[in-house]
Protein backbone atom coordinates (compact mmCIF):
# COMPACT_ATOMS: atom_id res chain seq x y z
CA UNK A 1 11.38 3.62 -20.48
CA UNK A 2 11.03 1.91 -17.13
CA UNK A 3 12.35 -1.66 -17.34
CA UNK A 4 12.32 -2.87 -13.73
CA UNK A 5 9.54 -5.26 -12.76
CA UNK A 6 9.05 -4.57 -9.05
CA UNK A 7 7.11 -1.33 -8.75
CA UNK A 8 7.90 1.76 -6.65
CA UNK A 9 5.39 3.71 -4.55
CA UNK A 10 6.54 7.19 -3.50
CA UNK A 11 4.90 9.34 -0.85
CA UNK A 12 4.61 12.97 -1.93
CA UNK A 13 5.19 15.99 0.26
CA UNK A 14 7.07 19.30 0.42
CA UNK A 15 10.20 17.75 -1.09
CA UNK A 16 8.39 16.41 -4.14
CA UNK A 17 5.44 18.71 -4.76
CA UNK A 18 6.85 20.72 -7.66
CA UNK A 19 6.10 19.73 -11.23
CA UNK A 20 9.83 19.53 -11.98
CA UNK A 21 10.59 17.10 -9.15
CA UNK A 22 7.46 15.04 -9.85
CA UNK A 23 8.52 14.61 -13.45
CA UNK A 24 12.01 13.55 -12.41
CA UNK A 25 10.85 10.94 -9.90
CA UNK A 26 8.41 9.44 -12.41
CA UNK A 27 11.19 9.22 -14.98
CA UNK A 28 13.45 7.71 -12.28
CA UNK A 29 11.02 4.85 -11.71
CA UNK A 30 7.98 5.80 -9.62
CA UNK A 31 4.85 3.85 -10.58
CA UNK A 32 2.39 4.94 -7.88
CA UNK A 33 2.28 8.14 -5.83
CA UNK A 34 0.92 8.11 -2.29
CA UNK A 35 -0.89 11.08 -0.77
CA UNK A 36 -0.92 10.96 3.03
CA UNK A 37 -4.17 12.47 4.28
CA UNK A 38 -2.79 12.74 7.80
CA UNK A 39 -1.19 15.91 6.44
CA UNK A 40 -2.12 18.66 4.00
CA UNK A 41 -5.27 20.43 2.87
CA UNK A 42 -7.56 19.24 0.09
CA UNK A 43 -6.40 22.11 -2.10
CA UNK A 44 -2.80 20.84 -1.92
CA UNK A 45 -3.76 17.22 -2.61
CA UNK A 46 -6.00 18.26 -5.50
CA UNK A 47 -3.22 20.26 -7.12
CA UNK A 48 -0.81 17.33 -6.85
CA UNK A 49 -3.34 14.89 -8.34
CA UNK A 50 -3.85 17.19 -11.33
CA UNK A 51 -0.09 17.54 -11.93
CA UNK A 52 0.49 13.78 -11.70
CA UNK A 53 -2.29 13.07 -14.22
CA UNK A 54 -0.86 15.66 -16.60
CA UNK A 55 2.65 14.25 -16.31
CA UNK A 56 1.43 10.68 -16.78
CA UNK A 57 -0.23 11.66 -20.07
CA UNK A 58 2.74 13.75 -21.16
CA UNK A 59 5.31 11.02 -20.48
CA UNK A 60 3.12 8.14 -21.62
CA UNK A 61 3.73 6.36 -18.30
CA UNK A 62 0.83 5.06 -16.20
CA UNK A 63 1.05 6.44 -12.66
CA UNK A 64 -1.39 5.23 -10.02
CA UNK A 65 -2.60 7.61 -7.33
CA UNK A 66 -3.09 6.30 -3.78
CA UNK A 67 -5.07 8.25 -1.19
CA UNK A 68 -3.96 7.06 2.25
CA UNK A 69 -6.67 7.86 4.80
CA UNK A 70 -5.52 8.76 8.29
CA UNK A 71 -7.76 6.27 10.07
CA UNK A 72 -8.42 6.15 13.81
CA UNK A 73 -5.07 7.46 14.98
CA UNK A 74 -5.15 7.97 18.76
CA UNK A 75 -3.02 10.80 20.15
CA UNK A 76 -2.18 12.38 23.48
CA UNK A 77 -4.05 15.50 24.57
CA UNK A 78 -2.24 17.56 27.20
CA UNK A 79 -2.06 21.32 27.66
CA UNK A 80 1.57 21.14 28.83
CA UNK A 81 4.32 18.55 28.96
CA UNK A 82 3.83 15.79 31.55
CA UNK A 83 6.93 14.12 32.94
CA UNK A 84 6.46 10.49 33.94
CA UNK A 85 8.88 8.38 35.94
CA UNK A 86 9.10 4.60 35.94
CA UNK A 87 7.01 3.05 38.72
CA UNK A 88 4.67 5.96 39.32
CA UNK A 89 0.91 5.92 38.69
CA UNK A 90 -0.84 7.94 35.99
CA UNK A 91 -4.50 8.61 35.24
CA UNK A 92 -5.78 8.24 31.66
CA UNK A 93 -9.09 9.63 30.43
CA UNK A 94 -10.82 10.36 27.11
CA UNK A 95 -13.39 12.86 28.39
CA UNK A 96 -11.27 15.98 28.01
CA UNK A 97 -13.97 18.30 26.73
CA UNK A 98 -16.64 17.53 29.32
CA UNK A 99 -14.55 16.36 32.22
CA UNK A 100 -14.43 17.64 35.73
CA UNK A 101 -10.70 16.87 35.48
CA UNK A 102 -8.26 19.36 34.05
CA UNK A 103 -5.42 18.40 31.70
CA UNK A 104 -2.18 17.67 33.55
CA UNK A 105 -3.90 18.44 36.84
CA UNK A 106 -3.88 16.15 39.83
CA UNK A 107 -6.63 13.58 39.94
CA UNK A 108 -8.62 13.54 43.19
CA UNK A 109 -7.17 10.11 43.88
CA UNK A 110 -3.65 11.32 43.17
CA UNK A 111 -1.41 11.03 40.11
CA UNK A 112 -0.94 12.90 36.86
CA UNK A 113 -3.53 12.88 34.09
CA UNK A 114 -3.07 12.24 30.37
CA UNK A 115 -6.02 12.57 28.02
CA UNK A 116 -6.52 10.66 24.77
CA UNK A 117 -8.12 12.56 21.89
CA UNK A 118 -10.49 9.77 20.77
CA UNK A 119 -13.92 9.79 22.50
CA UNK A 120 -14.91 6.65 24.44
CA UNK A 121 -11.64 4.94 23.58
CA UNK A 122 -11.07 3.74 27.15
CA UNK A 123 -14.14 1.50 26.78
CA UNK A 124 -12.00 -0.73 24.53
CA UNK A 125 -8.97 -0.81 26.85
CA UNK A 126 -8.69 -3.45 29.58
CA UNK A 127 -6.61 -4.03 32.68
CA UNK A 128 -3.29 -5.53 31.66
CA UNK A 129 -3.14 -3.76 28.28
CA UNK A 130 0.09 -1.97 27.53
CA UNK A 131 -0.10 1.60 26.21
CA UNK A 132 2.77 2.69 23.95
CA UNK A 133 3.30 6.40 23.37
CA UNK A 134 5.46 8.11 20.73
CA UNK A 135 6.54 5.01 18.79
CA UNK A 136 6.79 2.99 21.98
CA UNK A 137 9.41 5.19 23.65
CA UNK A 138 7.09 5.57 26.66
CA UNK A 139 5.24 2.54 27.98
CA UNK A 140 2.38 2.26 30.47
CA UNK A 141 0.45 -0.74 31.79
CA UNK A 142 -3.23 -0.47 32.78
CA UNK A 143 -3.77 -1.55 36.39
CA UNK A 144 -7.35 -0.37 37.06
CA UNK A 145 -10.41 0.56 35.00
CA UNK A 146 -13.21 2.90 36.05
CA UNK A 147 -16.11 4.44 34.14
CA UNK A 148 -14.35 7.64 33.13
CA UNK A 149 -10.69 6.86 33.60
CA UNK A 150 -7.97 4.26 33.75
CA UNK A 151 -5.11 3.94 36.16
CA UNK A 152 -1.77 2.82 34.75
CA UNK A 153 1.74 2.14 35.95
CA UNK A 154 4.62 3.77 34.13
CA UNK A 155 6.98 1.10 32.80
CA UNK A 156 9.19 3.33 30.63
CA UNK A 157 9.12 6.99 31.62
CA UNK A 158 9.78 10.21 29.79
CA UNK A 159 8.13 13.50 28.87
CA UNK A 160 4.65 13.17 27.37
CA UNK A 161 4.03 15.91 24.83
CA UNK A 162 0.79 16.91 23.13
CA UNK A 163 -0.46 15.16 19.97
CA UNK A 164 1.88 12.16 20.15
CA UNK A 165 0.78 8.84 18.64
CA UNK A 166 -0.53 6.02 20.82
CA UNK A 167 -0.54 2.27 20.18
CA UNK A 168 -2.38 -0.28 22.33
CA UNK A 169 -1.53 -3.65 20.73
CA UNK A 170 -3.90 -5.91 22.70
CA UNK A 171 -6.97 -3.66 22.76
CA UNK A 172 -9.99 -4.80 20.76
CA UNK A 173 -11.07 -1.51 19.23
CA UNK A 174 -14.49 -0.80 17.71
CA UNK A 175 -13.65 2.14 15.50
CA UNK A 176 -15.67 1.21 12.43
CA UNK A 177 -14.37 1.45 8.89
CA UNK A 178 -13.62 5.17 8.65
CA UNK A 179 -13.63 8.20 10.92
CA UNK A 180 -15.52 11.44 10.31
CA UNK A 181 -12.34 12.98 8.89
CA UNK A 182 -11.84 9.93 6.67
CA UNK A 183 -15.37 10.26 5.26
CA UNK A 184 -14.71 13.88 4.37
CA UNK A 185 -11.40 12.96 2.73
CA UNK A 186 -12.97 9.97 0.97
CA UNK A 187 -15.63 12.13 -0.68
CA UNK A 188 -12.89 14.44 -1.91
CA UNK A 189 -10.61 11.75 -3.37
CA UNK A 190 -13.50 9.96 -5.06
CA UNK A 191 -14.31 13.23 -6.78
CA UNK A 192 -10.72 13.32 -8.02
CA UNK A 193 -10.97 9.70 -9.32
CA UNK A 194 -7.98 8.33 -7.42
CA UNK A 195 -6.96 4.75 -8.19
CA UNK A 196 -6.38 3.38 -4.70
CA UNK A 197 -7.69 4.08 -1.20
CA UNK A 198 -5.44 2.90 1.63
CA UNK A 199 -7.06 2.19 5.01
CA UNK A 200 -5.00 2.75 8.16
CA UNK A 201 -5.17 0.56 11.27
CA UNK A 202 -7.43 -2.07 9.71
CA UNK A 203 -8.44 -4.86 12.12
CA UNK A 204 -10.70 -7.14 10.08
CA UNK A 205 -12.32 -7.83 6.72
CA UNK A 206 -15.60 -6.19 7.74
CA UNK A 207 -13.94 -2.76 7.76
CA UNK A 208 -12.76 -3.30 4.19
CA UNK A 209 -16.18 -4.42 2.96
CA UNK A 210 -17.90 -1.50 4.69
CA UNK A 211 -15.54 0.92 2.98
CA UNK A 212 -16.04 -0.70 -0.41
CA UNK A 213 -19.83 -0.40 -0.08
CA UNK A 214 -19.46 3.22 1.01
CA UNK A 215 -17.34 3.94 -2.06
CA UNK A 216 -19.87 2.31 -4.39
CA UNK A 217 -22.67 4.32 -2.81
CA UNK A 218 -20.80 7.62 -3.05
CA UNK A 219 -19.80 7.00 -6.68
CA UNK A 220 -23.15 5.51 -7.67
CA UNK A 221 -21.52 2.63 -9.56
CA UNK A 222 -20.21 -0.90 -9.03
CA UNK A 223 -17.28 -0.91 -11.47
CA UNK A 224 -14.21 1.25 -12.06
CA UNK A 225 -13.96 2.12 -8.39
CA UNK A 226 -10.71 2.65 -6.44
CA UNK A 227 -9.02 -0.48 -5.20
CA UNK A 228 -8.81 -0.81 -1.42
CA UNK A 229 -5.43 -1.29 0.26
CA UNK A 230 -5.60 -2.33 3.94
CA UNK A 231 -2.43 -1.39 5.79
CA UNK A 232 -1.28 -4.23 8.02
CA UNK A 233 -0.03 -2.34 11.07
CA UNK A 234 -2.04 -3.70 14.01
CA UNK A 235 -1.58 -6.83 16.07
CA UNK A 236 -5.27 -7.60 15.51
CA UNK A 237 -4.74 -7.43 11.74
CA UNK A 238 -2.08 -10.15 12.00
CA UNK A 239 -4.59 -12.36 13.82
CA UNK A 240 -7.13 -11.78 11.04
CA UNK A 241 -4.67 -11.70 8.14
CA UNK A 242 -6.31 -14.42 6.02
CA UNK A 243 -9.72 -12.73 5.96
CA UNK A 244 -8.13 -9.32 5.37
CA UNK A 245 -6.11 -10.58 2.39
CA UNK A 246 -9.21 -12.26 0.95
CA UNK A 247 -11.25 -9.04 1.21
CA UNK A 248 -8.55 -6.71 -0.13
CA UNK A 249 -7.57 -5.62 -3.63
CA UNK A 250 -3.97 -4.88 -2.66
CA UNK A 251 -2.21 -5.34 0.71
CA UNK A 252 0.38 -3.10 2.34
CA UNK A 253 2.82 -4.37 4.97
CA UNK A 254 3.10 -1.12 6.98
CA UNK A 255 6.12 -1.91 9.11
CA UNK A 256 6.19 1.35 11.09
CA UNK A 257 3.25 0.85 13.42
CA UNK A 258 3.48 -2.92 13.04
CA UNK A 259 6.93 -2.71 14.62
CA UNK A 260 5.37 -0.92 17.59
CA UNK A 261 2.40 -3.24 18.01
CA UNK A 262 4.61 -6.34 17.76
CA UNK A 263 8.18 -7.04 18.84
CA UNK A 264 10.43 -5.57 16.17
CA UNK A 265 12.20 -8.92 15.84
CA UNK A 266 8.98 -10.49 14.52
CA UNK A 267 8.20 -7.95 11.78
CA UNK A 268 10.45 -9.39 9.06
CA UNK A 269 8.94 -12.85 9.55
CA UNK A 270 5.39 -11.49 9.32
CA UNK A 271 6.41 -9.55 6.21
CA UNK A 272 7.46 -12.75 4.47
CA UNK A 273 4.32 -14.56 5.64
CA UNK A 274 2.05 -11.81 4.33
CA UNK A 275 3.83 -11.68 0.96
CA UNK A 276 3.39 -15.45 0.64
CA UNK A 277 -0.31 -15.28 1.51
CA UNK A 278 -0.87 -12.54 -1.07
CA UNK A 279 0.96 -14.47 -3.77
CA UNK A 280 -1.14 -17.54 -2.98
CA UNK A 281 -4.37 -15.71 -3.82
CA UNK A 282 -3.04 -13.43 -6.55
CA UNK A 283 -3.26 -10.16 -4.58
CA UNK A 284 -0.60 -7.46 -5.14
CA UNK A 285 1.44 -6.69 -2.02
CA UNK A 286 3.48 -3.62 -1.02
CA UNK A 287 6.34 -3.53 1.50
CA UNK A 288 6.54 -0.13 3.20
CA UNK A 289 8.32 2.00 5.81
CA UNK A 290 11.97 2.93 6.39
CA UNK A 291 13.24 1.11 3.32
CA UNK A 292 15.81 3.81 2.53
CA UNK A 293 15.22 5.89 5.65
CA UNK A 294 18.76 7.26 5.97
CA UNK A 295 18.38 8.93 2.56
CA UNK A 296 16.07 11.46 4.18
CA UNK A 297 19.32 13.19 5.15
CA UNK A 298 22.06 11.37 3.21
CA UNK A 299 22.68 10.99 -0.54
CA UNK A 300 23.40 7.25 -0.25
CA UNK A 301 21.67 4.48 1.72
CA UNK A 302 23.12 2.17 4.34
CA UNK A 303 24.12 -1.36 3.34
CA UNK A 304 21.36 -2.73 5.56
CA UNK A 305 18.75 -0.65 3.71
CA UNK A 306 19.99 -1.93 0.35
CA UNK A 307 19.66 -5.47 1.71
CA UNK A 308 16.14 -4.71 2.94
CA UNK A 309 14.94 -3.61 -0.50
CA UNK A 310 16.81 -6.50 -2.14
CA UNK A 311 15.10 -9.07 0.07
CA UNK A 312 11.65 -7.63 -0.61
CA UNK A 313 12.35 -8.01 -4.35
CA UNK A 314 13.63 -11.58 -3.90
CA UNK A 315 10.48 -12.39 -1.90
CA UNK A 316 8.51 -11.23 -4.98
CA UNK A 317 6.66 -8.29 -3.46
CA UNK A 318 4.82 -6.37 -6.16
CA UNK A 319 6.01 -3.01 -4.89
CA UNK A 320 8.30 -1.29 -2.39
CA UNK A 321 7.40 2.06 -0.87
CA UNK A 322 9.14 5.28 0.09
CA UNK A 323 7.70 7.48 2.84
CA UNK A 324 9.66 10.38 4.35
CA UNK A 325 12.48 9.74 1.88
CA UNK A 326 10.43 11.15 -1.02
CA UNK A 327 7.98 13.31 0.95
CA UNK A 328 10.29 15.43 3.07
CA UNK A 329 13.84 14.21 2.48
CA UNK A 330 16.73 16.12 0.96
CA UNK A 331 17.18 13.71 -1.95
CA UNK A 332 13.80 12.59 -3.36
CA UNK A 333 14.99 12.02 -6.93
CA UNK A 334 18.20 10.30 -5.88
CA UNK A 335 16.25 8.06 -3.51
CA UNK A 336 13.90 6.86 -6.27
CA UNK A 337 16.85 6.33 -8.62
CA UNK A 338 18.67 4.34 -5.93
CA UNK A 339 15.64 2.15 -5.28
CA UNK A 340 15.24 1.56 -9.02
CA UNK A 341 18.90 0.54 -9.27
CA UNK A 342 18.60 -1.88 -6.34
CA UNK A 343 15.52 -3.44 -7.92
CA UNK A 344 17.11 -3.76 -11.37
CA UNK A 345 20.31 -5.30 -10.05
CA UNK A 346 18.37 -7.76 -7.91
CA UNK A 347 16.09 -8.77 -10.77
CA UNK A 348 19.14 -9.49 -12.95
CA UNK A 349 20.55 -11.82 -10.30
CA UNK A 350 19.83 -15.57 -10.18
CA UNK A 351 18.20 -15.13 -6.76
CA UNK A 352 15.16 -13.52 -8.38
CA UNK A 353 14.54 -16.30 -10.90
CA UNK A 354 12.99 -19.33 -9.24
CA UNK A 355 9.37 -18.94 -8.15
CA UNK A 356 7.32 -21.78 -6.71
CA UNK A 357 3.78 -22.36 -7.89
CA UNK A 358 2.20 -20.04 -5.36
CA UNK A 359 -1.41 -20.09 -6.46
CA UNK A 360 -3.81 -21.61 -3.95
CA UNK A 361 -5.51 -24.56 -5.66
CA UNK A 362 -8.79 -23.52 -4.04
CA UNK A 363 -9.00 -20.43 -6.25
CA UNK A 364 -8.02 -22.11 -9.52
CA UNK A 365 -11.07 -21.27 -11.63
CA UNK A 366 -11.22 -22.34 -15.25
CA UNK A 367 -10.06 -18.86 -16.22
CA UNK A 368 -7.11 -18.92 -13.80
CA UNK A 369 -6.18 -22.35 -15.16
CA UNK A 370 -6.22 -20.93 -18.70
CA UNK A 371 -3.84 -18.15 -17.68
CA UNK A 372 -1.57 -20.71 -16.02
CA UNK A 373 -1.57 -22.74 -19.25
CA UNK A 374 -0.66 -19.62 -21.23
CA UNK A 375 2.30 -19.11 -18.90
CA UNK A 376 3.44 -22.70 -19.49
CA UNK A 377 3.06 -22.14 -23.25
CA UNK A 378 5.25 -19.03 -23.02
CA UNK A 379 7.97 -21.02 -21.24
CA UNK A 380 7.91 -24.01 -23.56
CA UNK A 381 7.79 -21.95 -26.77
CA UNK A 382 10.63 -19.63 -25.83
CA UNK A 383 8.39 -16.58 -26.15
CA UNK A 384 9.92 -13.15 -25.51
CA UNK A 385 6.70 -11.65 -24.17
CA UNK A 386 3.14 -12.34 -23.07
CA UNK A 387 0.77 -9.78 -24.53
CA UNK A 388 -2.70 -9.43 -23.02
CA UNK A 389 -5.89 -7.49 -23.54
CA UNK A 390 -7.36 -6.74 -20.11
CA UNK A 391 -10.34 -4.49 -19.53
CA UNK A 392 -10.62 -4.96 -15.76
CA UNK A 393 -7.01 -5.89 -14.96
CA UNK A 394 -7.88 -9.41 -13.81
CA UNK A 395 -6.00 -11.11 -16.63
CA UNK A 396 -2.93 -8.98 -15.95
CA UNK A 397 -2.96 -9.73 -12.20
CA UNK A 398 -3.42 -13.46 -12.71
CA UNK A 399 -0.53 -13.67 -15.16
CA UNK A 400 1.75 -11.46 -13.03
CA UNK A 401 1.12 -13.81 -10.13
CA UNK A 402 3.22 -16.46 -11.90
CA UNK A 403 6.17 -14.03 -12.03
CA UNK A 404 7.10 -15.11 -15.58
CA UNK A 405 10.49 -14.34 -17.11
CA UNK A 406 8.77 -13.01 -20.24
CA UNK A 407 7.84 -9.36 -20.69
CA UNK A 408 4.25 -8.68 -19.61
CA UNK A 409 2.53 -6.24 -21.95
CA UNK A 410 -1.07 -5.23 -21.37
CA UNK A 411 -3.40 -3.41 -23.75
CA UNK A 412 -6.52 -1.88 -22.25
CA UNK A 413 -9.27 0.53 -23.21
CA UNK A 414 -10.03 1.36 -19.56
CA UNK A 415 -8.19 4.39 -18.06
CA UNK A 416 -8.86 3.10 -14.53
CA UNK A 417 -7.23 -0.25 -15.33
CA UNK A 418 -4.35 1.56 -17.05
CA UNK A 419 -3.44 3.27 -13.78
CA UNK A 420 -4.42 0.53 -11.34
CA UNK A 421 -2.22 -2.20 -12.81
CA UNK A 422 0.71 0.17 -12.27
CA UNK A 423 1.01 -1.46 -8.82
CA UNK A 424 1.19 -4.98 -10.27
CA UNK A 425 4.55 -6.69 -10.64
CA UNK A 426 6.06 -6.72 -14.12
CA UNK A 427 3.18 -5.12 -16.02
CA UNK A 428 3.79 -2.56 -18.77
CA UNK A 429 0.48 -1.07 -19.93
CA UNK A 430 -0.76 0.62 -23.09
CA UNK A 431 -4.02 2.57 -23.19
CA UNK A 432 -6.01 2.62 -26.44
CA UNK A 433 -9.47 3.86 -27.33
CA UNK A 434 -10.62 0.57 -28.81
CA UNK A 435 -12.99 0.92 -31.76
CA UNK A 436 -12.51 -2.23 -33.81
CA UNK A 437 -11.85 -5.04 -31.37
CA UNK A 438 -9.40 -6.62 -28.96
CA UNK A 439 -7.26 -8.07 -31.71
CA UNK A 440 -6.57 -4.58 -33.00
CA UNK A 441 -5.58 -3.49 -29.47
CA UNK A 442 -3.03 -6.31 -29.38
CA UNK A 443 -1.69 -5.21 -32.79
CA UNK A 444 -1.27 -1.64 -31.54
CA UNK A 445 0.47 -2.83 -28.38
CA UNK A 446 2.92 -4.91 -30.40
CA UNK A 447 3.63 -1.99 -32.72
CA UNK A 448 4.33 0.26 -29.76
CA UNK A 449 6.54 -2.36 -28.09
CA UNK A 450 8.58 -2.59 -31.31
CA UNK A 451 9.05 1.20 -31.40
CA UNK A 452 10.18 1.11 -27.78
CA UNK A 453 12.58 -1.75 -28.68
CA UNK A 454 11.01 -4.06 -26.14
CA UNK A 455 10.34 -6.46 -29.05
CA UNK A 456 12.06 -7.08 -32.38
CA UNK A 457 11.25 -8.81 -35.65
CA UNK A 458 11.33 -12.59 -35.19
CA UNK A 459 10.42 -12.56 -31.50
CA UNK A 460 7.70 -14.98 -30.44
CA UNK A 461 4.90 -13.71 -28.22
CA UNK A 462 2.01 -15.45 -26.48
CA UNK A 463 -1.21 -13.53 -26.99
CA UNK A 464 -4.18 -13.60 -24.56
CA UNK A 465 -7.36 -11.83 -25.55
CA UNK A 466 -8.78 -11.92 -22.04
CA UNK A 467 -12.27 -12.94 -20.97
CA UNK A 468 -14.67 -13.24 -23.84
CA UNK A 469 -17.38 -10.53 -23.84
CA UNK A 470 -20.18 -12.67 -22.38
CA UNK A 471 -18.15 -13.08 -19.19
CA UNK A 472 -17.61 -16.84 -19.33
CA UNK A 473 -14.43 -18.24 -17.78
CA UNK A 474 -12.66 -18.49 -21.13
CA UNK A 475 -9.77 -16.72 -22.88
CA UNK A 476 -8.36 -16.98 -26.38
CA UNK A 477 -4.66 -17.86 -26.31
CA UNK A 478 -2.22 -18.16 -29.21
CA UNK A 479 1.36 -17.64 -30.41
CA UNK A 480 2.53 -14.97 -32.85
CA UNK A 481 5.85 -14.08 -34.38
CA UNK A 482 6.72 -10.40 -34.65
CA UNK A 483 7.04 -9.25 -38.26
């Protein structure tokens, strides 16, 4: 039985694709699996989704499935390595397929040529913009712009290889919500009923809303759709962070590309700011990238990595994420177990106890106020747990926002909610096929919690029956003693 409250997201890959390893990492503490659609065929992803669903049912543990779309990733396009030296000029173009220029050939005006693989991308790049290649190891600065090409000065040289990632922090891109590849992948994952869709390189709220409408149209329904997770990894996203958080269902602080787009020394501060903004509006937030990176090759983490995970827990992030550690590392099970241990030890410490009243007063609806009152009742009554019926997950998310000391137990009759609240801090969920009412669902949840020894005879619990059926901002709240 998983007892930690901060959730774990694990990226799946060659190191974790077998049923045996998947079972072990779920038992070790994984709550959500991430499928990276920058890699792998649909057949592979489909097989993994099926295995995860089977294991979730077999183990009785809700496991959310996140499809992470590649997004508009710009890459180099050269037919052979191009060596650049600091101070020299280079030509950049995005018209590889129809150009009179040849890759790596000399431009008529002199200089070496590098092509970008995204059509018309140079329209969005301006003089003065810096171009970072291969995680910022090579740096160029645009000095001149023409119709079909840019001229740039090499600031940090090196060998430019084919298909290396490119970041242009100050460019104002007009990519749209999803690429052609993303649309193809989106249709596939919707057919597999994934729980979350993560959007890469999001710049603004409009891209999130466009994707949500596309999902509704493809599914032909308004409810029980995947939740959208914008990945905060662009400088422009930081500028628009308030509107992005407001439009999102869940937010991911994707520190890899964010650390390229911004000075690395600023990333930790932005991480804390984003977590705070999400807590203020009751949106789950994930901290991602390089959390236990050394465990890709080593059986134990560095002290700095342990501190990194610890601080994310103390900051009250809903979830922490593993990338290469669980996808391609040598120790996927050990990595998950280590992260679980760090979380558990941190949550037992006094540093994880005090939480300010985060909730933005501007979003305190009558229903949110009722949930807040239920939390106060749980504290004043000495309740061991707060037990909720939640069909959509809203009640669960609102209560988890308060980060209560009590156990948070959720009964639901909605399979989508069962898996989606797996990303929410502190929530343990039970799925029932409700026939005779919400009260009966609460009874069943309490019975199961007793069998699992989460609760014992004599324990007090606060019970919330969730929104009443007619949808009014009202919940039924009471206290029960376990018999």
